[in-house]
N, C-alpha and C. Protein backbone atom coordinates (compact mmCIF):
# COMPACT_ATOMS: atom_id res chain seq x y z
N MET A 1 -12.42 -0.08 -18.52
CA MET A 1 -11.87 1.21 -18.06
C MET A 1 -10.98 2.03 -19.23
N ASN A 2 -10.94 3.40 -18.77
CA ASN A 2 -10.27 4.10 -19.45
C ASN A 2 -8.88 4.33 -18.75
N MET A 3 -7.52 4.35 -18.89
CA MET A 3 -6.42 4.42 -17.93
C MET A 3 -6.29 6.02 -17.59
N ASP A 4 -6.88 6.70 -18.86
CA ASP A 4 -6.72 8.23 -19.23
C ASP A 4 -7.42 8.99 -17.98
N ASN A 5 -8.72 8.23 -18.04
CA ASN A 5 -9.48 8.58 -16.96
C ASN A 5 -8.95 8.40 -15.14
N LEU A 6 -7.93 7.71 -15.09
CA LEU A 6 -7.67 7.67 -13.49
C LEU A 6 -6.82 8.95 -13.23
N ILE A 7 -7.08 9.14 -11.73
CA ILE A 7 -6.28 10.45 -10.99
C ILE A 7 -5.58 9.07 -10.23
N ILE A 8 -4.24 9.74 -9.97
CA ILE A 8 -3.22 9.54 -8.76
C ILE A 8 -3.12 10.57 -7.84
N LYS A 9 -3.49 10.54 -6.31
CA LYS A 9 -3.35 11.28 -5.05
C LYS A 9 -2.25 10.96 -4.48
N HIS A 10 -1.65 11.22 -3.96
CA HIS A 10 -0.32 11.30 -3.08
C HIS A 10 -0.69 12.31 -1.39
N ASN A 11 -0.79 11.26 -0.56
CA ASN A 11 -1.14 12.00 0.68
C ASN A 11 -2.18 12.75 0.88
N GLU A 12 -3.33 12.02 0.32
CA GLU A 12 -4.48 12.45 -0.13
C GLU A 12 -6.13 11.41 0.79
N LEU A 13 -4.98 10.15 0.80
CA LEU A 13 -6.58 8.69 1.32
C LEU A 13 -6.71 9.15 2.76
N THR A 14 -8.00 9.40 2.66
CA THR A 14 -8.83 9.82 4.09
C THR A 14 -9.02 8.63 4.69
N ALA A 15 -9.20 8.45 6.03
CA ALA A 15 -9.73 7.26 6.78
C ALA A 15 -10.92 6.69 6.04
N GLU A 16 -12.11 7.69 5.57
CA GLU A 16 -12.73 6.71 5.08
C GLU A 16 -12.86 6.26 3.86
N GLU A 17 -11.86 6.66 3.03
CA GLU A 17 -11.41 6.21 1.71
C GLU A 17 -10.94 4.76 2.14
N PHE A 18 -9.68 4.66 2.95
CA PHE A 18 -9.33 3.78 3.19
C PHE A 18 -10.14 2.45 3.99
N ILE A 19 -11.01 2.86 4.40
CA ILE A 19 -11.94 1.83 4.91
C ILE A 19 -12.69 1.28 3.91
N GLU A 20 -13.23 2.25 2.80
CA GLU A 20 -14.48 1.77 1.61
C GLU A 20 -13.27 1.05 0.75
N LEU A 21 -12.21 0.84 0.65
CA LEU A 21 -11.56 -0.03 0.03
C LEU A 21 -11.05 -1.25 0.88
N TRP A 22 -10.39 -1.37 1.85
CA TRP A 22 -10.47 -2.45 2.70
C TRP A 22 -11.80 -2.93 2.71
N SER A 23 -12.83 -3.00 2.75
CA SER A 23 -14.33 -3.35 3.15
C SER A 23 -14.43 -3.91 1.59
N SER A 24 -14.07 -3.73 0.51
CA SER A 24 -13.82 -4.13 -0.83
C SER A 24 -13.66 -5.48 -0.99
N VAL A 25 -12.12 -5.58 -0.23
CA VAL A 25 -11.66 -7.14 -0.44
C VAL A 25 -11.27 -7.94 1.17
N TRP A 26 -12.05 -7.39 1.92
CA TRP A 26 -11.69 -8.10 3.89
C TRP A 26 -12.91 -7.79 4.95
N ASP A 27 -12.93 -8.65 4.91
CA ASP A 27 -14.26 -8.34 6.21
C ASP A 27 -13.22 -7.42 7.50
N GLY A 28 -13.89 -7.18 8.30
CA GLY A 28 -13.32 -6.81 9.79
C GLY A 28 -12.11 -5.46 9.63
N ALA A 29 -12.77 -3.88 8.91
CA ALA A 29 -12.35 -3.23 8.99
C ALA A 29 -11.99 -2.63 9.88
N PRO A 30 -10.55 -1.87 10.19
CA PRO A 30 -10.56 -1.16 11.14
C PRO A 30 -11.32 0.05 11.78
N THR A 31 -11.16 0.47 12.51
CA THR A 31 -12.24 1.45 13.17
C THR A 31 -11.85 2.85 12.59
N MET A 32 -12.64 3.86 12.47
CA MET A 32 -12.57 5.18 11.93
C MET A 32 -11.50 5.94 12.94
N GLU A 33 -11.77 5.37 14.54
CA GLU A 33 -10.55 6.41 15.09
C GLU A 33 -8.88 5.71 14.75
N GLN A 34 -8.79 4.55 14.70
CA GLN A 34 -7.65 3.77 14.21
C GLN A 34 -6.82 4.19 12.91
N THR A 35 -7.95 4.15 12.26
CA THR A 35 -7.29 4.57 10.40
C THR A 35 -7.02 6.01 10.27
N LYS A 36 -7.73 7.00 11.26
CA LYS A 36 -7.44 8.31 11.19
C LYS A 36 -6.12 8.66 11.71
N LEU A 37 -5.84 7.78 12.73
CA LEU A 37 -4.73 7.86 13.12
C LEU A 37 -3.14 7.35 12.29
N ALA A 38 -3.89 5.80 11.98
CA ALA A 38 -2.68 5.44 10.75
C ALA A 38 -2.15 6.39 9.45
N MET A 39 -3.63 7.04 8.83
CA MET A 39 -3.35 7.79 8.07
C MET A 39 -2.35 9.32 8.28
N GLU A 40 -2.37 9.82 9.63
CA GLU A 40 -1.86 10.81 10.05
C GLU A 40 -0.29 10.56 10.22
N HIS A 41 -0.30 9.37 10.60
CA HIS A 41 0.99 9.07 10.75
C HIS A 41 1.78 7.53 9.94
N THR A 42 1.14 7.57 8.41
CA THR A 42 1.75 6.94 7.72
C THR A 42 2.55 7.92 6.92
N MET A 43 3.89 7.67 6.13
CA MET A 43 5.00 8.23 5.62
C MET A 43 4.39 8.83 4.23
N PHE A 44 3.76 7.65 3.34
CA PHE A 44 3.17 8.38 2.20
C PHE A 44 1.90 7.51 1.85
N ARG A 45 1.17 7.87 1.28
CA ARG A 45 0.22 7.13 0.80
C ARG A 45 -0.12 7.72 -0.83
N VAL A 46 -0.64 6.77 -1.21
CA VAL A 46 -1.03 6.58 -2.92
C VAL A 46 -2.71 6.31 -2.98
N SER A 47 -3.57 7.15 -3.96
CA SER A 47 -4.37 6.78 -3.73
C SER A 47 -4.88 7.09 -5.56
N ILE A 48 -6.00 5.91 -5.88
CA ILE A 48 -5.66 6.04 -7.45
C ILE A 48 -7.58 5.99 -7.52
N PHE A 49 -8.26 6.80 -8.36
CA PHE A 49 -9.33 6.95 -8.71
C PHE A 49 -9.66 6.85 -9.87
N ASP A 50 -11.20 6.18 -10.41
CA ASP A 50 -11.74 6.54 -11.65
C ASP A 50 -12.85 7.46 -11.85
N GLY A 51 -12.07 8.32 -12.26
CA GLY A 51 -13.32 9.62 -11.78
C GLY A 51 -13.68 10.11 -10.22
N ASP A 52 -14.71 10.01 -10.04
CA ASP A 52 -15.00 10.15 -8.31
C ASP A 52 -14.73 9.20 -7.46
N LYS A 53 -14.53 7.67 -7.41
CA LYS A 53 -14.79 6.23 -6.89
C LYS A 53 -13.18 6.27 -6.68
N ILE A 54 -12.87 5.91 -5.68
CA ILE A 54 -11.78 5.40 -5.22
C ILE A 54 -11.37 3.59 -5.55
N ILE A 55 -10.56 3.51 -6.54
CA ILE A 55 -10.15 2.11 -6.69
C ILE A 55 -9.26 1.39 -6.20
N ALA A 56 -8.13 1.98 -5.67
CA ALA A 56 -6.99 1.43 -5.42
C ALA A 56 -6.37 2.50 -4.33
N MET A 57 -5.02 1.79 -3.53
CA MET A 57 -4.60 2.47 -2.57
C MET A 57 -3.12 1.72 -2.23
N ALA A 58 -1.88 1.86 -1.68
CA ALA A 58 -1.12 2.14 -1.19
C ALA A 58 -0.46 2.50 0.14
N ARG A 59 0.28 2.06 0.79
CA ARG A 59 0.80 3.32 1.70
C ARG A 59 2.39 2.63 2.02
N VAL A 60 2.90 3.38 2.89
CA VAL A 60 4.22 2.91 2.84
C VAL A 60 4.73 3.75 4.70
N ILE A 61 5.08 3.04 5.17
CA ILE A 61 5.78 3.44 6.87
C ILE A 61 7.21 3.17 6.58
N GLY A 62 7.83 3.76 7.73
CA GLY A 62 9.19 3.11 7.86
C GLY A 62 9.88 4.41 8.44
N ASP A 63 11.40 4.62 8.66
CA ASP A 63 12.16 5.39 9.65
C ASP A 63 13.10 6.13 8.07
N MET A 64 12.86 5.75 7.02
CA MET A 64 13.34 7.08 6.22
C MET A 64 14.89 6.39 5.77
N GLY A 65 15.49 6.09 6.77
CA GLY A 65 16.94 5.73 6.40
C GLY A 65 16.95 3.97 5.94
N LEU A 66 16.89 3.22 6.98
CA LEU A 66 16.85 1.75 6.94
C LEU A 66 15.82 1.24 6.13
N CYS A 67 14.82 1.49 6.43
CA CYS A 67 13.96 0.75 6.47
C CYS A 67 12.34 1.14 5.77
N TYR A 68 12.00 0.51 5.04
CA TYR A 68 10.57 1.14 4.44
C TYR A 68 9.81 -0.05 4.34
N TYR A 69 7.98 0.00 4.65
CA TYR A 69 7.33 -1.32 5.05
C TYR A 69 6.54 -0.80 4.09
N VAL A 70 6.09 -1.80 3.23
CA VAL A 70 4.85 -1.39 2.21
C VAL A 70 3.59 -2.12 3.13
N LYS A 71 2.50 -1.29 3.31
CA LYS A 71 1.28 -1.75 4.11
C LYS A 71 -0.07 -1.44 2.95
N ASP A 72 -0.89 -2.55 2.70
CA ASP A 72 -2.40 -2.04 2.73
C ASP A 72 -2.55 -1.58 0.89
N VAL A 73 -1.60 -2.78 0.31
CA VAL A 73 -2.17 -2.44 -1.19
C VAL A 73 -3.24 -3.25 -1.45
N ILE A 74 -4.17 -2.08 -1.98
CA ILE A 74 -5.42 -2.76 -2.32
C ILE A 74 -5.84 -2.29 -3.68
N VAL A 75 -6.79 -3.45 -4.70
CA VAL A 75 -7.21 -3.13 -5.92
C VAL A 75 -8.18 -3.15 -5.77
N ARG A 76 -9.33 -2.61 -5.50
CA ARG A 76 -10.73 -3.05 -5.83
C ARG A 76 -11.21 -4.51 -6.92
N PRO A 77 -11.81 -5.46 -6.61
CA PRO A 77 -11.55 -6.73 -7.58
C PRO A 77 -11.98 -6.25 -9.09
N GLU A 78 -12.74 -5.81 -9.00
CA GLU A 78 -13.08 -5.51 -10.58
C GLU A 78 -12.41 -4.83 -11.22
N TYR A 79 -11.28 -4.09 -10.68
CA TYR A 79 -10.12 -3.35 -11.30
C TYR A 79 -8.93 -4.27 -11.53
N GLN A 80 -8.50 -5.25 -10.22
CA GLN A 80 -7.59 -5.80 -10.81
C GLN A 80 -7.06 -6.54 -11.70
N GLY A 81 -5.97 -7.10 -11.90
CA GLY A 81 -5.75 -7.59 -13.38
C GLY A 81 -5.15 -6.26 -14.38
N GLN A 82 -5.58 -5.14 -14.63
CA GLN A 82 -5.51 -4.03 -14.98
C GLN A 82 -4.06 -3.09 -15.29
N GLY A 83 -3.59 -3.54 -14.19
CA GLY A 83 -2.14 -2.88 -14.32
C GLY A 83 -2.08 -1.51 -13.09
N ILE A 84 -3.35 -1.56 -12.37
CA ILE A 84 -3.38 -0.41 -11.44
C ILE A 84 -2.72 -0.97 -10.29
N GLY A 85 -2.55 -2.12 -9.68
CA GLY A 85 -1.35 -2.35 -8.88
C GLY A 85 0.10 -2.12 -9.11
N ARG A 86 0.75 -1.99 -10.25
CA ARG A 86 1.68 -1.89 -11.14
C ARG A 86 2.25 -0.67 -10.88
N ILE A 87 0.99 0.17 -11.11
CA ILE A 87 0.92 2.07 -10.88
C ILE A 87 1.55 2.00 -9.04
N LEU A 88 0.52 1.62 -8.32
CA LEU A 88 0.70 1.45 -7.02
C LEU A 88 2.04 1.54 -6.53
N ILE A 89 2.68 0.67 -6.66
CA ILE A 89 3.75 0.14 -6.51
C ILE A 89 4.79 0.78 -7.19
N ASP A 90 4.96 1.17 -8.14
CA ASP A 90 5.57 1.88 -8.93
C ASP A 90 5.81 3.45 -8.24
N GLU A 91 4.33 3.84 -7.90
CA GLU A 91 4.47 5.09 -7.09
C GLU A 91 5.56 4.96 -5.59
N LEU A 92 4.84 3.91 -5.13
CA LEU A 92 5.79 3.66 -3.82
C LEU A 92 7.22 3.87 -3.85
N LEU A 93 7.66 3.15 -4.83
CA LEU A 93 9.18 2.64 -5.07
C LEU A 93 10.11 4.40 -5.15
N LYS A 94 9.49 5.30 -6.07
CA LYS A 94 9.44 6.22 -6.96
C LYS A 94 10.03 7.37 -5.23
N PHE A 95 8.81 6.92 -4.70
CA PHE A 95 9.06 7.78 -3.31
C PHE A 95 10.11 7.63 -2.51
N ILE A 96 10.13 5.82 -2.57
CA ILE A 96 11.34 5.65 -1.36
C ILE A 96 13.02 5.82 -1.96
N ASN A 97 12.90 5.78 -3.68
CA ASN A 97 13.51 6.30 -4.23
C ASN A 97 14.23 8.03 -4.10
N ASP A 98 13.38 8.44 -4.09
CA ASP A 98 13.59 10.31 -4.33
C ASP A 98 13.57 10.32 -2.91
N ASN A 99 13.37 9.90 -1.69
CA ASN A 99 13.93 10.38 -0.33
C ASN A 99 14.98 9.45 0.00
N GLY A 100 15.13 8.34 -0.08
CA GLY A 100 16.24 7.71 0.47
C GLY A 100 17.88 8.35 0.27
N ILE A 101 18.67 7.95 1.19
CA ILE A 101 20.26 8.78 1.25
C ILE A 101 20.37 7.87 -0.37
N LYS A 102 21.02 8.49 -0.88
CA LYS A 102 21.55 8.09 -2.26
C LYS A 102 22.97 7.22 -1.88
N ASP A 103 23.03 6.61 -3.03
CA ASP A 103 24.19 5.79 -3.17
C ASP A 103 23.85 4.88 -1.33
N THR A 104 23.55 4.57 -1.18
CA THR A 104 23.06 3.64 -0.21
C THR A 104 21.77 2.01 -0.75
N GLN A 105 21.55 1.29 0.26
CA GLN A 105 20.45 0.40 -0.03
C GLN A 105 19.83 0.04 1.43
N ILE A 106 18.57 0.17 1.02
CA ILE A 106 17.44 0.39 1.62
C ILE A 106 16.47 -0.81 1.70
N SER A 107 16.31 -1.04 3.18
CA SER A 107 15.56 -2.82 2.96
C SER A 107 13.64 -2.20 2.90
N VAL A 108 13.01 -2.57 1.77
CA VAL A 108 11.83 -2.48 1.39
C VAL A 108 11.63 -3.69 1.84
N GLU A 109 10.17 -4.00 2.38
CA GLU A 109 9.60 -5.43 2.63
C GLU A 109 8.44 -4.94 2.46
N LEU A 110 7.72 -6.49 2.62
CA LEU A 110 6.12 -6.40 2.44
C LEU A 110 5.89 -7.66 2.71
N CYS A 111 4.59 -7.83 3.44
CA CYS A 111 4.14 -9.41 3.49
C CYS A 111 2.38 -9.28 2.45
N ALA A 112 2.96 -10.31 1.92
CA ALA A 112 2.11 -10.88 0.61
C ALA A 112 1.45 -12.36 0.73
N LEU A 113 0.27 -12.83 0.41
CA LEU A 113 -0.61 -13.68 0.01
C LEU A 113 0.21 -14.59 -0.73
N PRO A 114 0.25 -15.74 -0.50
CA PRO A 114 1.19 -16.45 -1.51
C PRO A 114 0.54 -16.46 -2.95
N ASP A 115 -0.88 -16.22 -3.60
CA ASP A 115 -1.31 -16.00 -4.65
C ASP A 115 -0.80 -14.48 -5.06
N LYS A 116 -0.41 -14.04 -4.49
CA LYS A 116 0.54 -12.24 -5.05
C LYS A 116 1.57 -12.51 -4.83
N VAL A 117 2.36 -13.43 -4.35
CA VAL A 117 3.63 -13.16 -4.37
C VAL A 117 4.76 -13.40 -6.00
N PRO A 118 3.74 -13.94 -6.88
CA PRO A 118 4.37 -13.69 -8.41
C PRO A 118 4.34 -11.84 -9.03
N PHE A 119 3.33 -11.34 -8.13
CA PHE A 119 2.84 -10.01 -8.83
C PHE A 119 4.15 -9.27 -8.14
N TYR A 120 4.79 -9.29 -6.90
CA TYR A 120 5.64 -8.64 -6.12
C TYR A 120 7.17 -8.96 -6.83
N GLU A 121 7.08 -10.11 -7.43
CA GLU A 121 8.54 -10.66 -7.56
C GLU A 121 8.81 -9.74 -8.92
N LYS A 122 7.91 -9.43 -9.21
CA LYS A 122 8.08 -8.80 -11.04
C LYS A 122 8.74 -7.17 -10.77
N PHE A 123 8.81 -6.89 -9.35
CA PHE A 123 9.62 -5.88 -8.94
C PHE A 123 11.11 -5.79 -8.11
N GLY A 124 11.08 -7.50 -8.11
CA GLY A 124 12.45 -7.38 -7.37
C GLY A 124 12.36 -7.67 -6.23
N PHE A 125 11.00 -8.27 -5.43
CA PHE A 125 10.80 -8.83 -3.83
C PHE A 125 11.40 -10.04 -4.08
N TRP A 126 11.43 -10.77 -3.03
CA TRP A 126 11.98 -11.95 -2.92
C TRP A 126 11.59 -12.50 -1.12
N SER A 127 11.70 -13.81 -1.22
CA SER A 127 11.27 -14.03 0.05
C SER A 127 12.35 -15.16 1.03
N ASN A 128 12.39 -14.86 1.89
CA ASN A 128 13.54 -16.07 2.36
C ASN A 128 12.70 -16.90 3.74
N GLU A 129 13.92 -17.64 4.53
CA GLU A 129 12.94 -18.27 5.41
C GLU A 129 12.27 -17.80 6.17
N GLY A 130 12.13 -16.42 6.57
CA GLY A 130 12.07 -16.04 7.83
C GLY A 130 10.63 -16.14 7.85
N LYS A 131 9.94 -16.35 9.20
CA LYS A 131 8.33 -16.46 9.07
C LYS A 131 7.88 -14.80 9.41
N ARG A 132 6.90 -14.49 8.74
CA ARG A 132 6.25 -13.34 9.59
C ARG A 132 5.48 -13.72 10.49
N LEU A 133 5.98 -13.14 11.81
CA LEU A 133 5.21 -12.75 13.00
C LEU A 133 4.39 -12.00 13.53
N ARG A 134 3.27 -12.44 14.30
CA ARG A 134 2.16 -11.07 14.50
C ARG A 134 1.48 -11.60 15.27
N VAL A 135 0.97 -10.74 16.29
CA VAL A 135 0.00 -10.92 17.75
C VAL A 135 -0.68 -9.58 17.00
N MET A 136 -2.01 -9.80 17.53
CA MET A 136 -3.09 -9.11 17.73
C MET A 136 -3.47 -8.33 19.14
N HIS A 137 -2.95 -7.59 19.75
CA HIS A 137 -2.69 -7.13 21.07
C HIS A 137 -3.82 -6.12 21.21
N PRO A 138 -4.80 -7.14 22.24
CA PRO A 138 -6.41 -6.42 22.53
C PRO A 138 -5.34 -5.19 23.48
N VAL A 139 -6.00 -3.78 23.17
CA VAL A 139 -5.41 -2.44 23.95
C VAL A 139 -7.15 -2.66 24.75
N LYS A 140 -6.71 -2.01 26.05
CA LYS A 140 -6.94 -2.11 27.20
C LYS A 140 -7.24 -0.87 28.11
């Protein structure tokens, strides 16, 4: 892969591209309707293309004041280990820095599988004893 061919886009990630990337690493992609709504309400989205092919994405949700949450950091498996993830996180942190209130500290959180924790620790992320709790609520 030639890094010069990479195209970084802000806030252009579509629901279709999201689902395509999600499906490249996980089963059970969200529905198109859910994904469209999520893209509309995401604070910041970054996507990376190799020519016309989407190869990576990440997004941030939050309240702009106290808390930002990094979601859905995905790099196609064949592109992993080449610095693409670092580009994504750098872009997200730049957005937070550019939009956060100056001279304050802002909580930036994420959830990572154990094998990905060392990657995030390189950016200064650390874990505590807290457990992430989740319920998949069935909407009726």
